[in-house]
Amino acid sequence: PPAASLPTEPLAPPLAPASEAPSSATQDMQPQLSAPIAPNPTNPLLPPLRIAAIAQLPQQDVPQDEALLLLQALRALRKDHQPGRALSILSDHKVRYPQSVLRKEVALAELEAQLAAGQGQKALAQLESMTLSDLPRPRTLHLVRGELRMAHKSCAAAAEDFLVVTQAADDELTERAFYDEWVCRTYAGQLAMANTLANESLRRFPEGRWATVYRSAGVKK
């Protein structure tokens, strides 16, 4: 049969921030995917996770001028919804305070702004330069990096991050990581691996968000 074409719309909405519960409309949205699928491993079907409020000011005393400039960037990003302006302020922060005690917070704010601005390759470069285990919400960051690696590198590179996520709790992050890698492996034509991932997801999430998608795609036990 002829191969299906890539969909032009994302198959699922971004995951809600950890502090927010997904709306009923989000929960009801089910991606539709039919088999066979044309191999195309460089086009992920989910947009990268939108992370929110991951950069925070530390509790200890910090130089006021450095903190105020970071707060200005966060206000531009989160209140004014101007990620480009936030990135400009953060760039100025790095020039003015190259040895800032807030270097980690500035880098996280920059990542948050890059994702909000749709700058996937820059966000990936930022994540590749970080030790994610030393940062807040490391599993979320691994999932973000995995999805960006799907888009800009390969399934194999992304799988390293997805494994970190799926080895932990049976939660929304894990379910999404299984789905991400299943899509990537399927588009790459790695159907045996895709089938294994789908079955493991069904075992752990039998009534999960994408259970009907796996079954309608002909996943075999």
C-alpha atoms as a PDB file:
ATOM      1  CA  PRO A   1       0.000   0.000   0.000  1.00  0.00           C
ATOM      2  CA  PRO A   2       1.163   3.614  -0.527  1.00  0.00           C
ATOM      3  CA  ALA A   3       3.006   5.207   2.353  1.00  0.00           C
ATOM      4  CA  ALA A   4       1.133   7.768   4.383  1.00  0.00           C
ATOM      5  CA  SER A   5       2.291  11.359   4.184  1.00  0.00           C
ATOM      6  CA  LEU A   6       3.510  13.305   7.164  1.00  0.00           C
ATOM      7  CA  PRO A   7       0.741  15.188   8.936  1.00  0.00           C
ATOM      8  CA  THR A   8       0.933  18.957   8.777  1.00  0.00           C
ATOM      9  CA  GLU A   9      -0.430  19.474  12.295  1.00  0.00           C
ATOM     10  CA  PRO A  10       1.120  18.202  15.541  1.00  0.00           C
ATOM     11  CA  LEU A  11      -0.531  15.020  16.718  1.00  0.00           C
ATOM     12  CA  ALA A  12      -0.806  16.126  20.318  1.00  0.00           C
ATOM     13  CA  PRO A  13      -0.644  19.339  22.312  1.00  0.00           C
ATOM     14  CA  PRO A  14       2.355  20.231  24.454  1.00  0.00           C
ATOM     15  CA  LEU A  15       2.393  18.734  27.920  1.00  0.00           C
ATOM     16  CA  ALA A  16       0.994  21.074  30.530  1.00  0.00           C
ATOM     17  CA  PRO A  17       3.531  22.523  32.970  1.00  0.00           C
ATOM     18  CA  ALA A  18       4.051  20.424  36.075  1.00  0.00           C
ATOM     19  CA  SER A  19       2.112  22.918  38.179  1.00  0.00           C
ATOM     20  CA  GLU A  20      -0.934  22.819  35.950  1.00  0.00           C
ATOM     21  CA  ALA A  21      -3.407  20.019  35.438  1.00  0.00           C
ATOM     22  CA  PRO A  22      -4.249  19.324  31.775  1.00  0.00           C
ATOM     23  CA  SER A  23      -7.658  20.580  30.728  1.00  0.00           C
ATOM     24  CA  SER A  24     -10.442  18.216  29.761  1.00  0.00           C
ATOM     25  CA  ALA A  25     -10.071  19.410  26.180  1.00  0.00           C
ATOM     26  CA  THR A  26      -6.384  18.462  26.212  1.00  0.00           C
ATOM     27  CA  GLN A  27      -7.162  15.066  27.691  1.00  0.00           C
ATOM     28  CA  ASP A  28      -9.764  14.384  25.022  1.00  0.00           C
ATOM     29  CA  MET A  29      -7.451  15.180  22.089  1.00  0.00           C
ATOM     30  CA  GLN A  30      -6.228  11.886  20.641  1.00  0.00           C
ATOM     31  CA  PRO A  31      -3.680  11.826  17.818  1.00  0.00           C
ATOM     32  CA  GLN A  32      -4.641   9.797  14.796  1.00  0.00           C
ATOM     33  CA  LEU A  33      -1.932   7.733  13.152  1.00  0.00           C
ATOM     34  CA  SER A  34      -2.277   5.017  10.573  1.00  0.00           C
ATOM     35  CA  ALA A  35       0.218   2.411   9.361  1.00  0.00           C
ATOM     36  CA  PRO A  36       2.314   2.018   7.331  1.00  0.00           C
ATOM     37  CA  ILE A  37       4.164   5.287   7.840  1.00  0.00           C
ATOM     38  CA  ALA A  38       6.706   6.834   5.517  1.00  0.00           C
ATOM     39  CA  PRO A  39      10.188   6.709   7.134  1.00  0.00           C
ATOM     40  CA  ASN A  40      11.154  10.223   8.108  1.00  0.00           C
ATOM     41  CA  PRO A  41      13.071  10.263  11.418  1.00  0.00           C
ATOM     42  CA  THR A  42      13.906  13.974  11.276  1.00  0.00           C
ATOM     43  CA  ASN A  43      10.302  15.168  11.684  1.00  0.00           C
ATOM     44  CA  PRO A  44       8.872  14.637  15.168  1.00  0.00           C
ATOM     45  CA  LEU A  45       5.102  14.616  15.436  1.00  0.00           C
ATOM     46  CA  LEU A  46       4.935  16.297  18.819  1.00  0.00           C
ATOM     47  CA  PRO A  47       6.130  19.833  19.450  1.00  0.00           C
ATOM     48  CA  PRO A  48       8.743  20.099  22.191  1.00  0.00           C
ATOM     49  CA  LEU A  49       7.463  20.334  25.730  1.00  0.00           C
ATOM     50  CA  ARG A  50       6.699  23.844  26.867  1.00  0.00           C
ATOM     51  CA  ILE A  51       8.446  24.171  30.198  1.00  0.00           C
ATOM     52  CA  ALA A  52       7.346  26.892  32.550  1.00  0.00           C
ATOM     53  CA  ALA A  53       8.935  28.555  35.562  1.00  0.00           C
ATOM     54  CA  ILE A  54      11.964  26.278  35.608  1.00  0.00           C
ATOM     55  CA  ALA A  55      14.370  29.149  36.222  1.00  0.00           C
ATOM     56  CA  GLN A  56      14.132  30.496  39.770  1.00  0.00           C
ATOM     57  CA  LEU A  57      16.097  32.952  41.842  1.00  0.00           C
ATOM     58  CA  PRO A  58      18.174  31.164  44.494  1.00  0.00           C
ATOM     59  CA  GLN A  59      17.243  31.584  48.128  1.00  0.00           C
ATOM     60  CA  GLN A  60      20.645  32.824  49.247  1.00  0.00           C
ATOM     61  CA  ASP A  61      21.686  36.447  48.980  1.00  0.00           C
ATOM     62  CA  VAL A  62      22.769  37.489  45.501  1.00  0.00           C
ATOM     63  CA  PRO A  63      24.011  40.806  44.101  1.00  0.00           C
ATOM     64  CA  GLN A  64      20.950  43.000  43.661  1.00  0.00           C
ATOM     65  CA  ASP A  65      21.860  44.321  40.222  1.00  0.00           C
ATOM     66  CA  GLU A  66      22.325  40.790  38.842  1.00  0.00           C
ATOM     67  CA  ALA A  67      19.067  39.578  40.361  1.00  0.00           C
ATOM     68  CA  LEU A  68      17.090  42.562  39.096  1.00  0.00           C
ATOM     69  CA  LEU A  69      18.290  42.052  35.535  1.00  0.00           C
ATOM     70  CA  LEU A  70      17.298  38.384  35.661  1.00  0.00           C
ATOM     71  CA  LEU A  71      13.899  39.337  37.078  1.00  0.00           C
ATOM     72  CA  GLN A  72      13.462  41.795  34.228  1.00  0.00           C
ATOM     73  CA  ALA A  73      14.085  38.995  31.737  1.00  0.00           C
ATOM     74  CA  LEU A  74      11.667  36.642  33.496  1.00  0.00           C
ATOM     75  CA  ARG A  75       9.006  39.355  33.542  1.00  0.00           C
ATOM     76  CA  ALA A  76       9.433  39.899  29.803  1.00  0.00           C
ATOM     77  CA  LEU A  77       9.147  36.164  29.210  1.00  0.00           C
ATOM     78  CA  ARG A  78       6.339  35.143  31.548  1.00  0.00           C
ATOM     79  CA  LYS A  79       4.230  38.257  32.039  1.00  0.00           C
ATOM     80  CA  ASP A  80       4.708  40.115  28.759  1.00  0.00           C
ATOM     81  CA  HIS A  81       5.131  36.938  26.647  1.00  0.00           C
ATOM     82  CA  GLN A  82       8.067  38.452  24.778  1.00  0.00           C
ATOM     83  CA  PRO A  83      10.703  35.693  24.586  1.00  0.00           C
ATOM     84  CA  GLY A  84      12.806  37.667  22.105  1.00  0.00           C
ATOM     85  CA  ARG A  85      13.104  40.576  24.515  1.00  0.00           C
ATOM     86  CA  ALA A  86      13.864  38.179  27.354  1.00  0.00           C
ATOM     87  CA  LEU A  87      16.681  36.635  25.330  1.00  0.00           C
ATOM     88  CA  SER A  88      18.130  40.070  24.642  1.00  0.00           C
ATOM     89  CA  ILE A  89      18.111  40.903  28.364  1.00  0.00           C
ATOM     90  CA  LEU A  90      19.692  37.562  29.246  1.00  0.00           C
ATOM     91  CA  SER A  91      22.393  38.100  26.629  1.00  0.00           C
ATOM     92  CA  ASP A  92      23.141  41.463  28.234  1.00  0.00           C
ATOM     93  CA  HIS A  93      23.269  39.742  31.637  1.00  0.00           C
ATOM     94  CA  LYS A  94      25.945  37.321  30.418  1.00  0.00           C
ATOM     95  CA  VAL A  95      28.030  40.149  28.977  1.00  0.00           C
ATOM     96  CA  ARG A  96      27.781  42.333  32.081  1.00  0.00           C
ATOM     97  CA  TYR A  97      28.214  39.523  34.618  1.00  0.00           C
ATOM     98  CA  PRO A  98      30.255  36.714  33.010  1.00  0.00           C
ATOM     99  CA  GLN A  99      31.089  35.235  36.433  1.00  0.00           C
ATOM    100  CA  SER A 100      27.623  35.726  37.879  1.00  0.00           C
ATOM    101  CA  VAL A 101      26.481  33.525  40.745  1.00  0.00           C
ATOM    102  CA  LEU A 102      23.242  33.280  38.768  1.00  0.00           C
ATOM    103  CA  ARG A 103      24.820  31.600  35.730  1.00  0.00           C
ATOM    104  CA  LYS A 104      22.693  28.461  36.127  1.00  0.00           C
ATOM    105  CA  GLU A 105      19.481  30.454  36.540  1.00  0.00           C
ATOM    106  CA  VAL A 106      20.322  32.608  33.522  1.00  0.00           C
ATOM    107  CA  ALA A 107      20.965  29.502  31.405  1.00  0.00           C
ATOM    108  CA  LEU A 108      17.623  27.976  32.453  1.00  0.00           C
ATOM    109  CA  ALA A 109      15.783  31.216  31.726  1.00  0.00           C
ATOM    110  CA  GLU A 110      17.477  31.331  28.335  1.00  0.00           C
ATOM    111  CA  LEU A 111      16.344  27.760  27.634  1.00  0.00           C
ATOM    112  CA  GLU A 112      12.787  28.616  28.658  1.00  0.00           C
ATOM    113  CA  ALA A 113      12.813  31.639  26.335  1.00  0.00           C
ATOM    114  CA  GLN A 114      14.326  29.717  23.416  1.00  0.00           C
ATOM    115  CA  LEU A 115      11.594  27.097  23.644  1.00  0.00           C
ATOM    116  CA  ALA A 116       8.923  29.786  23.861  1.00  0.00           C
ATOM    117  CA  ALA A 117      10.415  31.474  20.782  1.00  0.00           C
ATOM    118  CA  GLY A 118      10.515  28.225  18.800  1.00  0.00           C
ATOM    119  CA  GLN A 119      14.320  28.203  18.651  1.00  0.00           C
ATOM    120  CA  GLY A 120      14.672  24.441  18.822  1.00  0.00           C
ATOM    121  CA  GLN A 121      18.265  24.105  17.669  1.00  0.00           C
ATOM    122  CA  LYS A 122      19.485  26.756  20.092  1.00  0.00           C
ATOM    123  CA  ALA A 123      17.518  25.156  22.923  1.00  0.00           C
ATOM    124  CA  LEU A 124      19.063  21.789  22.073  1.00  0.00           C
ATOM    125  CA  ALA A 125      22.559  23.279  22.095  1.00  0.00           C
ATOM    126  CA  GLN A 126      21.804  24.789  25.490  1.00  0.00           C
ATOM    127  CA  LEU A 127      20.590  21.457  26.859  1.00  0.00           C
ATOM    128  CA  GLU A 128      23.574  19.588  25.417  1.00  0.00           C
ATOM    129  CA  SER A 129      25.868  21.896  27.366  1.00  0.00           C
ATOM    130  CA  MET A 130      24.120  21.200  30.692  1.00  0.00           C
ATOM    131  CA  THR A 131      24.383  18.390  33.226  1.00  0.00           C
ATOM    132  CA  LEU A 132      20.674  17.721  33.546  1.00  0.00           C
ATOM    133  CA  SER A 133      20.928  15.723  36.766  1.00  0.00           C
ATOM    134  CA  ASP A 134      22.172  18.866  38.520  1.00  0.00           C
ATOM    135  CA  LEU A 135      19.137  20.918  37.484  1.00  0.00           C
ATOM    136  CA  PRO A 136      15.555  21.188  38.740  1.00  0.00           C
ATOM    137  CA  ARG A 137      13.048  18.823  37.076  1.00  0.00           C
ATOM    138  CA  PRO A 138      15.721  16.731  35.320  1.00  0.00           C
ATOM    139  CA  ARG A 139      13.239  14.202  33.852  1.00  0.00           C
ATOM    140  CA  THR A 140      11.291  17.017  32.213  1.00  0.00           C
ATOM    141  CA  LEU A 141      14.520  18.368  30.752  1.00  0.00           C
ATOM    142  CA  HIS A 142      15.501  14.919  29.475  1.00  0.00           C
ATOM    143  CA  LEU A 143      12.146  14.635  27.727  1.00  0.00           C
ATOM    144  CA  VAL A 144      12.555  18.090  26.191  1.00  0.00           C
ATOM    145  CA  ARG A 145      16.050  17.210  25.003  1.00  0.00           C
ATOM    146  CA  GLY A 146      14.878  13.870  23.645  1.00  0.00           C
ATOM    147  CA  GLU A 147      12.171  15.517  21.560  1.00  0.00           C
ATOM    148  CA  LEU A 148      14.622  18.105  20.268  1.00  0.00           C
ATOM    149  CA  ARG A 149      17.092  15.335  19.417  1.00  0.00           C
ATOM    150  CA  MET A 150      14.297  13.661  17.447  1.00  0.00           C
ATOM    151  CA  ALA A 151      13.948  16.821  15.407  1.00  0.00           C
ATOM    152  CA  HIS A 152      17.603  17.681  14.923  1.00  0.00           C
ATOM    153  CA  LYS A 153      19.617  14.470  15.433  1.00  0.00           C
ATOM    154  CA  SER A 154      18.312  10.906  15.455  1.00  0.00           C
ATOM    155  CA  CYS A 155      16.097   8.400  17.215  1.00  0.00           C
ATOM    156  CA  ALA A 156      19.154   6.761  18.753  1.00  0.00           C
ATOM    157  CA  ALA A 157      20.265  10.028  20.342  1.00  0.00           C
ATOM    158  CA  ALA A 158      16.755  10.784  21.555  1.00  0.00           C
ATOM    159  CA  ALA A 159      16.342   7.277  22.991  1.00  0.00           C
ATOM    160  CA  GLU A 160      19.087   7.940  25.550  1.00  0.00           C
ATOM    161  CA  ASP A 161      16.945  10.677  27.071  1.00  0.00           C
ATOM    162  CA  PHE A 162      13.677   8.772  26.780  1.00  0.00           C
ATOM    163  CA  LEU A 163      15.225   5.845  28.680  1.00  0.00           C
ATOM    164  CA  VAL A 164      16.052   8.122  31.604  1.00  0.00           C
ATOM    165  CA  VAL A 165      12.413   9.191  31.697  1.00  0.00           C
ATOM    166  CA  THR A 166      10.780   5.775  31.306  1.00  0.00           C
ATOM    167  CA  GLN A 167      12.948   4.083  33.940  1.00  0.00           C
ATOM    168  CA  ALA A 168      11.274   6.207  36.612  1.00  0.00           C
ATOM    169  CA  ALA A 169       7.635   6.570  37.632  1.00  0.00           C
ATOM    170  CA  ASP A 170       4.589   5.574  35.579  1.00  0.00           C
ATOM    171  CA  ASP A 171       3.492   9.143  34.960  1.00  0.00           C
ATOM    172  CA  GLU A 172       2.611  11.483  32.110  1.00  0.00           C
ATOM    173  CA  LEU A 173       6.255  12.108  31.285  1.00  0.00           C
ATOM    174  CA  THR A 174       6.930   8.379  30.896  1.00  0.00           C
ATOM    175  CA  GLU A 175       3.846   7.804  28.763  1.00  0.00           C
ATOM    176  CA  ARG A 176       4.813  10.647  26.464  1.00  0.00           C
ATOM    177  CA  ALA A 177       8.406   9.412  26.186  1.00  0.00           C
ATOM    178  CA  PHE A 178       7.175   5.986  25.053  1.00  0.00           C
ATOM    179  CA  TYR A 179       4.945   7.603  22.452  1.00  0.00           C
ATOM    180  CA  ASP A 180       7.702   9.903  21.212  1.00  0.00           C
ATOM    181  CA  GLU A 181      10.135   7.075  20.653  1.00  0.00           C
ATOM    182  CA  TRP A 182       7.457   4.842  19.118  1.00  0.00           C
ATOM    183  CA  VAL A 183       6.690   7.541  16.542  1.00  0.00           C
ATOM    184  CA  CYS A 184      10.373   8.101  15.816  1.00  0.00           C
ATOM    185  CA  ARG A 185      11.178   4.402  15.438  1.00  0.00           C
ATOM    186  CA  THR A 186       8.130   3.866  13.245  1.00  0.00           C
ATOM    187  CA  TYR A 187       9.042   6.714  10.897  1.00  0.00           C
ATOM    188  CA  ALA A 188      12.588   5.369  10.759  1.00  0.00           C
ATOM    189  CA  GLY A 189      11.254   1.990   9.666  1.00  0.00           C
ATOM    190  CA  GLN A 190      12.460   0.292  12.863  1.00  0.00           C
ATOM    191  CA  LEU A 191       9.168  -1.537  13.286  1.00  0.00           C
ATOM    192  CA  ALA A 192      10.301  -4.304  15.654  1.00  0.00           C
ATOM    193  CA  MET A 193      11.651  -1.727  18.090  1.00  0.00           C
ATOM    194  CA  ALA A 194       8.523   0.392  17.676  1.00  0.00           C
ATOM    195  CA  ASN A 195       6.335  -2.626  18.400  1.00  0.00           C
ATOM    196  CA  THR A 196       8.304  -3.399  21.574  1.00  0.00           C
ATOM    197  CA  LEU A 197       7.931   0.181  22.802  1.00  0.00           C
ATOM    198  CA  ALA A 198       4.203   0.231  22.112  1.00  0.00           C
ATOM    199  CA  ASN A 199       3.646  -3.026  23.960  1.00  0.00           C
ATOM    200  CA  GLU A 200       5.601  -1.820  26.979  1.00  0.00           C
ATOM    201  CA  SER A 201       3.573   1.385  27.003  1.00  0.00           C
ATOM    202  CA  LEU A 202       0.337  -0.607  26.779  1.00  0.00           C
ATOM    203  CA  ARG A 203       1.494  -2.835  29.625  1.00  0.00           C
ATOM    204  CA  ARG A 204       2.172   0.137  31.867  1.00  0.00           C
ATOM    205  CA  PHE A 205      -0.646   2.366  30.580  1.00  0.00           C
ATOM    206  CA  PRO A 206      -3.396  -0.002  29.308  1.00  0.00           C
ATOM    207  CA  GLU A 207      -5.955   2.814  29.199  1.00  0.00           C
ATOM    208  CA  GLY A 208      -3.454   5.552  28.505  1.00  0.00           C
ATOM    209  CA  ARG A 209      -3.650   8.581  26.290  1.00  0.00           C
ATOM    210  CA  TRP A 210      -2.260   6.816  23.238  1.00  0.00           C
ATOM    211  CA  ALA A 211      -3.461   3.252  23.852  1.00  0.00           C
ATOM    212  CA  THR A 212      -6.064   3.417  21.089  1.00  0.00           C
ATOM    213  CA  VAL A 213      -3.474   4.893  18.725  1.00  0.00           C
ATOM    214  CA  TYR A 214      -1.139   1.944  19.193  1.00  0.00           C
ATOM    215  CA  ARG A 215      -3.950  -0.539  18.689  1.00  0.00           C
ATOM    216  CA  SER A 216      -5.329   1.191  15.604  1.00  0.00           C
ATOM    217  CA  ALA A 217      -1.810   1.227  14.131  1.00  0.00           C
ATOM    218  CA  GLY A 218      -1.730  -2.563  14.296  1.00  0.00           C
ATOM    219  CA  VAL A 219       0.631  -3.048  17.242  1.00  0.00           C
ATOM    220  CA  LYS A 220       1.063  -6.785  17.857  1.00  0.00           C
ATOM    221  CA  LYS A 221       1.726  -8.544  21.137  1.00  0.00           C
END
